[in-house]
Amino acid sequence: MDINKELRLAISTGEVHFGLEQTRKAIEAKKAKLIIVSSNCPDKGLRRMRKVKIYKFNGTNPELGAACGKPFSISTLAILNPGQSSILSL
């Protein structure tokens, strides 16, 4: 599976929230189906949460941002609705 392609498809056809605060809110609201965390995410507490499936992205914040097609760094993101992507099978 091409993670970059699936991320962009999920972003364009589904519902995705970016950033630590938005990810935490999605987890607390029990709306997050998958959390993607960059390898250098500053908040290790997210990785200990077992309420939702967590995928460790093999890249830094800027690389995750680029994979999402965004011009900024992304440390975490929450997939609420995958849309037409098959990203939940990670």
C-alpha atoms as a PDB file:
ATOM      1  CA  MET A   1       0.000   0.000   0.000  1.00  0.00           C
ATOM      2  CA  ASP A   2       1.290   3.468  -0.898  1.00  0.00           C
ATOM      3  CA  ILE A   3       0.750   5.419   2.339  1.00  0.00           C
ATOM      4  CA  ASN A   4       1.208   8.803   0.631  1.00  0.00           C
ATOM      5  CA  LYS A   5      -1.462   8.036  -1.966  1.00  0.00           C
ATOM      6  CA  GLU A   6      -3.880   6.700   0.653  1.00  0.00           C
ATOM      7  CA  LEU A   7      -3.318   9.731   2.903  1.00  0.00           C
ATOM      8  CA  ARG A   8      -4.108  12.155   0.087  1.00  0.00           C
ATOM      9  CA  LEU A   9      -7.173  10.160  -0.924  1.00  0.00           C
ATOM     10  CA  ALA A  10      -8.435  10.134   2.664  1.00  0.00           C
ATOM     11  CA  ILE A  11      -7.855  13.885   2.947  1.00  0.00           C
ATOM     12  CA  SER A  12      -9.667  14.654  -0.312  1.00  0.00           C
ATOM     13  CA  THR A  13     -12.611  12.246   0.068  1.00  0.00           C
ATOM     14  CA  GLY A  14     -12.931  11.669   3.812  1.00  0.00           C
ATOM     15  CA  GLU A  15     -12.547  13.579   7.058  1.00  0.00           C
ATOM     16  CA  VAL A  16      -9.109  14.119   8.578  1.00  0.00           C
ATOM     17  CA  HIS A  17      -8.059  16.341  11.494  1.00  0.00           C
ATOM     18  CA  PHE A  18      -4.480  17.619  11.740  1.00  0.00           C
ATOM     19  CA  GLY A  19      -2.362  18.432  14.795  1.00  0.00           C
ATOM     20  CA  LEU A  20      -1.996  17.281  18.390  1.00  0.00           C
ATOM     21  CA  GLU A  21      -4.959  19.169  19.848  1.00  0.00           C
ATOM     22  CA  GLN A  22      -7.367  18.143  17.092  1.00  0.00           C
ATOM     23  CA  THR A  23      -6.162  14.539  17.352  1.00  0.00           C
ATOM     24  CA  ARG A  24      -6.702  14.490  21.122  1.00  0.00           C
ATOM     25  CA  LYS A  25     -10.194  15.957  20.707  1.00  0.00           C
ATOM     26  CA  ALA A  26     -11.078  13.330  18.095  1.00  0.00           C
ATOM     27  CA  ILE A  27      -9.872  10.546  20.417  1.00  0.00           C
ATOM     28  CA  GLU A  28     -11.797  11.928  23.392  1.00  0.00           C
ATOM     29  CA  ALA A  29     -14.943  12.269  21.278  1.00  0.00           C
ATOM     30  CA  LYS A  30     -14.447   8.656  20.112  1.00  0.00           C
ATOM     31  CA  LYS A  31     -14.562   9.775  16.482  1.00  0.00           C
ATOM     32  CA  ALA A  32     -11.006   8.846  15.462  1.00  0.00           C
ATOM     33  CA  LYS A  33     -10.668   5.536  13.638  1.00  0.00           C
ATOM     34  CA  LEU A  34      -6.906   5.764  13.049  1.00  0.00           C
ATOM     35  CA  ILE A  35      -4.138   8.015  14.360  1.00  0.00           C
ATOM     36  CA  ILE A  36      -1.002   8.600  12.311  1.00  0.00           C
ATOM     37  CA  VAL A  37       2.018   9.843  14.270  1.00  0.00           C
ATOM     38  CA  SER A  38       5.282  11.144  12.795  1.00  0.00           C
ATOM     39  CA  SER A  39       8.515   9.567  13.973  1.00  0.00           C
ATOM     40  CA  ASN A  40       9.530  12.743  15.817  1.00  0.00           C
ATOM     41  CA  CYS A  41       6.152  13.623  17.311  1.00  0.00           C
ATOM     42  CA  PRO A  42       6.796  15.713  20.443  1.00  0.00           C
ATOM     43  CA  ASP A  43       3.969  14.115  22.460  1.00  0.00           C
ATOM     44  CA  LYS A  44       4.798  10.546  23.456  1.00  0.00           C
ATOM     45  CA  GLY A  45       1.517  10.365  25.401  1.00  0.00           C
ATOM     46  CA  LEU A  46      -0.435   9.869  22.185  1.00  0.00           C
ATOM     47  CA  ARG A  47       1.464   6.686  21.451  1.00  0.00           C
ATOM     48  CA  ARG A  48       0.385   5.207  24.774  1.00  0.00           C
ATOM     49  CA  MET A  49      -3.319   5.698  24.047  1.00  0.00           C
ATOM     50  CA  ARG A  50      -4.863   2.376  23.212  1.00  0.00           C
ATOM     51  CA  LYS A  51      -8.372   3.603  22.568  1.00  0.00           C
ATOM     52  CA  VAL A  52      -7.697   3.794  18.855  1.00  0.00           C
ATOM     53  CA  LYS A  53      -5.336   2.173  16.359  1.00  0.00           C
ATOM     54  CA  ILE A  54      -2.066   4.108  15.937  1.00  0.00           C
ATOM     55  CA  TYR A  55       0.204   3.954  12.898  1.00  0.00           C
ATOM     56  CA  LYS A  56       3.789   5.225  13.224  1.00  0.00           C
ATOM     57  CA  PHE A  57       4.735   7.118  10.069  1.00  0.00           C
ATOM     58  CA  ASN A  58       8.363   6.452   9.071  1.00  0.00           C
ATOM     59  CA  GLY A  59       9.186  10.098   8.566  1.00  0.00           C
ATOM     60  CA  THR A  60       9.495  13.407  10.369  1.00  0.00           C
ATOM     61  CA  ASN A  61       6.866  16.137  10.803  1.00  0.00           C
ATOM     62  CA  PRO A  62       7.821  17.917   7.543  1.00  0.00           C
ATOM     63  CA  GLU A  63       7.780  14.605   5.668  1.00  0.00           C
ATOM     64  CA  LEU A  64       4.308  13.765   6.978  1.00  0.00           C
ATOM     65  CA  GLY A  65       3.120  17.219   5.935  1.00  0.00           C
ATOM     66  CA  ALA A  66       4.533  16.680   2.444  1.00  0.00           C
ATOM     67  CA  ALA A  67       2.953  13.216   2.250  1.00  0.00           C
ATOM     68  CA  CYS A  68      -0.402  14.859   3.000  1.00  0.00           C
ATOM     69  CA  GLY A  69       0.204  17.474   0.312  1.00  0.00           C
ATOM     70  CA  LYS A  70       0.397  20.286   2.875  1.00  0.00           C
ATOM     71  CA  PRO A  71       3.018  23.080   2.954  1.00  0.00           C
ATOM     72  CA  PHE A  72       3.520  22.723   6.719  1.00  0.00           C
ATOM     73  CA  SER A  73       4.728  20.155   9.251  1.00  0.00           C
ATOM     74  CA  ILE A  74       2.231  17.688  10.700  1.00  0.00           C
ATOM     75  CA  SER A  75       3.104  15.730  13.830  1.00  0.00           C
ATOM     76  CA  THR A  76      -0.168  13.809  14.117  1.00  0.00           C
ATOM     77  CA  LEU A  77      -3.413  13.392  12.286  1.00  0.00           C
ATOM     78  CA  ALA A  78      -6.661  11.607  13.002  1.00  0.00           C
ATOM     79  CA  ILE A  79      -8.678   9.789  10.368  1.00  0.00           C
ATOM     80  CA  LEU A  80     -12.361  10.206  11.224  1.00  0.00           C
ATOM     81  CA  ASN A  81     -13.723   9.031   7.885  1.00  0.00           C
ATOM     82  CA  PRO A  82     -11.417   7.341   5.349  1.00  0.00           C
ATOM     83  CA  GLY A  83     -13.563   8.287   2.377  1.00  0.00           C
ATOM     84  CA  GLN A  84     -12.549   6.243  -0.643  1.00  0.00           C
ATOM     85  CA  SER A  85      -9.135   5.294   0.716  1.00  0.00           C
ATOM     86  CA  SER A  86      -8.204   1.985   2.271  1.00  0.00           C
ATOM     87  CA  ILE A  87      -6.004   3.623   4.895  1.00  0.00           C
ATOM     88  CA  LEU A  88      -7.751   1.902   7.787  1.00  0.00           C
ATOM     89  CA  SER A  89      -6.160  -1.389   6.733  1.00  0.00           C
ATOM     90  CA  LEU A  90      -2.720  -0.151   7.911  1.00  0.00           C
END
